[in-house]
Protein backbone atom coordinates (compact mmCIF):
# COMPACT_ATOMS: atom_id res chain seq x y z
CA MET A 1 21.92 -44.34 -20.71
CA ALA A 2 21.32 -43.68 -17.03
CA GLU A 3 24.03 -41.01 -17.02
CA VAL A 4 22.29 -39.16 -19.87
CA TYR A 5 19.07 -39.04 -17.85
CA LYS A 6 21.01 -37.93 -14.79
CA ILE A 7 22.64 -35.08 -16.75
CA LEU A 8 19.28 -34.08 -18.24
CA TYR A 9 17.71 -34.13 -14.78
CA GLU A 10 20.46 -31.94 -13.32
CA GLN A 11 20.14 -29.44 -16.18
CA PHE A 12 16.38 -29.36 -15.69
CA GLN A 13 16.83 -28.70 -11.96
CA GLU A 14 19.23 -25.83 -12.66
CA GLU A 15 16.86 -24.24 -15.19
CA THR A 16 13.78 -24.56 -12.98
CA SER A 17 15.62 -23.19 -9.95
CA GLY A 18 16.58 -20.13 -12.02
CA ILE A 19 12.99 -19.67 -13.16
CA GLN A 20 11.74 -20.07 -9.60
CA GLU A 21 14.23 -17.48 -8.39
CA ILE A 22 13.14 -14.99 -11.05
CA PHE A 23 9.49 -15.65 -10.21
CA GLN A 24 10.06 -15.13 -6.48
CA TRP A 25 11.96 -11.89 -7.04
CA SER A 26 9.30 -10.53 -9.37
CA MET A 27 6.45 -11.47 -7.01
CA GLY A 28 8.33 -9.91 -4.09
CA SER A 29 8.88 -6.71 -6.08
CA ILE A 30 5.21 -6.53 -7.07
CA ILE A 31 4.11 -7.01 -3.45
CA VAL A 32 6.49 -4.28 -2.27
CA ILE A 33 5.18 -1.87 -4.92
CA ILE A 34 1.56 -2.61 -3.99
CA LEU A 35 2.29 -2.12 -0.28
CA ALA A 36 4.07 1.16 -1.04
CA ILE A 37 1.06 2.41 -3.02
CA PHE A 38 -1.36 1.45 -0.24
CA GLY A 39 0.93 2.95 2.41
CA THR A 40 1.16 6.31 0.67
CA ASN A 41 -2.59 6.25 0.02
CA ILE A 42 -3.35 5.68 3.71
CA PHE A 43 -0.87 8.38 4.74
CA PHE A 44 -2.29 11.01 2.40
CA ASN A 45 -5.90 10.11 3.22
CA PHE A 46 -5.14 10.47 6.93
CA ARG A 47 -3.64 13.90 6.35
CA TYR A 48 -6.59 14.94 4.15
CA ASN A 49 -9.14 13.68 6.67
CA LYS A 50 -7.33 15.48 9.49
CA LYS A 51 -7.50 18.77 7.58
CA GLU A 52 -11.15 18.14 6.72
CA LEU A 53 -11.95 17.43 10.38
CA GLU A 54 -10.21 20.62 11.48
CA ASN A 55 -12.18 22.57 8.87
CA LEU A 56 -15.48 21.08 10.07
CA ILE A 57 -14.66 21.83 13.70
CA GLN A 58 -13.82 25.40 12.78
CA GLN A 59 -17.10 25.81 10.89
CA PHE A 60 -19.01 24.23 13.76
CA ASP A 61 -17.38 26.60 16.28
CA LEU A 62 -18.26 29.61 14.09
CA LYS A 63 -21.91 28.51 13.88
CA ILE A 64 -22.08 27.99 17.64
CA GLN A 65 -20.56 31.41 18.25
CA LYS A 66 -22.99 33.01 15.77
CA ASN A 67 -25.99 31.30 17.38
CA TYR A 68 -24.80 32.29 20.85
CA GLU A 69 -24.43 35.92 19.79
CA GLU A 70 -27.91 35.88 18.27
CA PHE A 71 -29.31 34.32 21.41
CA ILE A 72 -27.75 36.99 23.64
CA GLU A 73 -29.13 39.84 21.52
């Protein structure tokens, strides 16, 4: 009878180790996908904010130049 329980225990260990392996791989894949989404989001937001900052600086320079020209006249 003890051998039957031993065999059942070994089979249970094999099955649970397979389930744990699948779970770990799926969780790892989900984490990698989430990090990739956040990484691309940060990259594109940085590029967008850089362009927006350059646009604001350009507008600010034009207003300063316009005010300076008005002041000289």
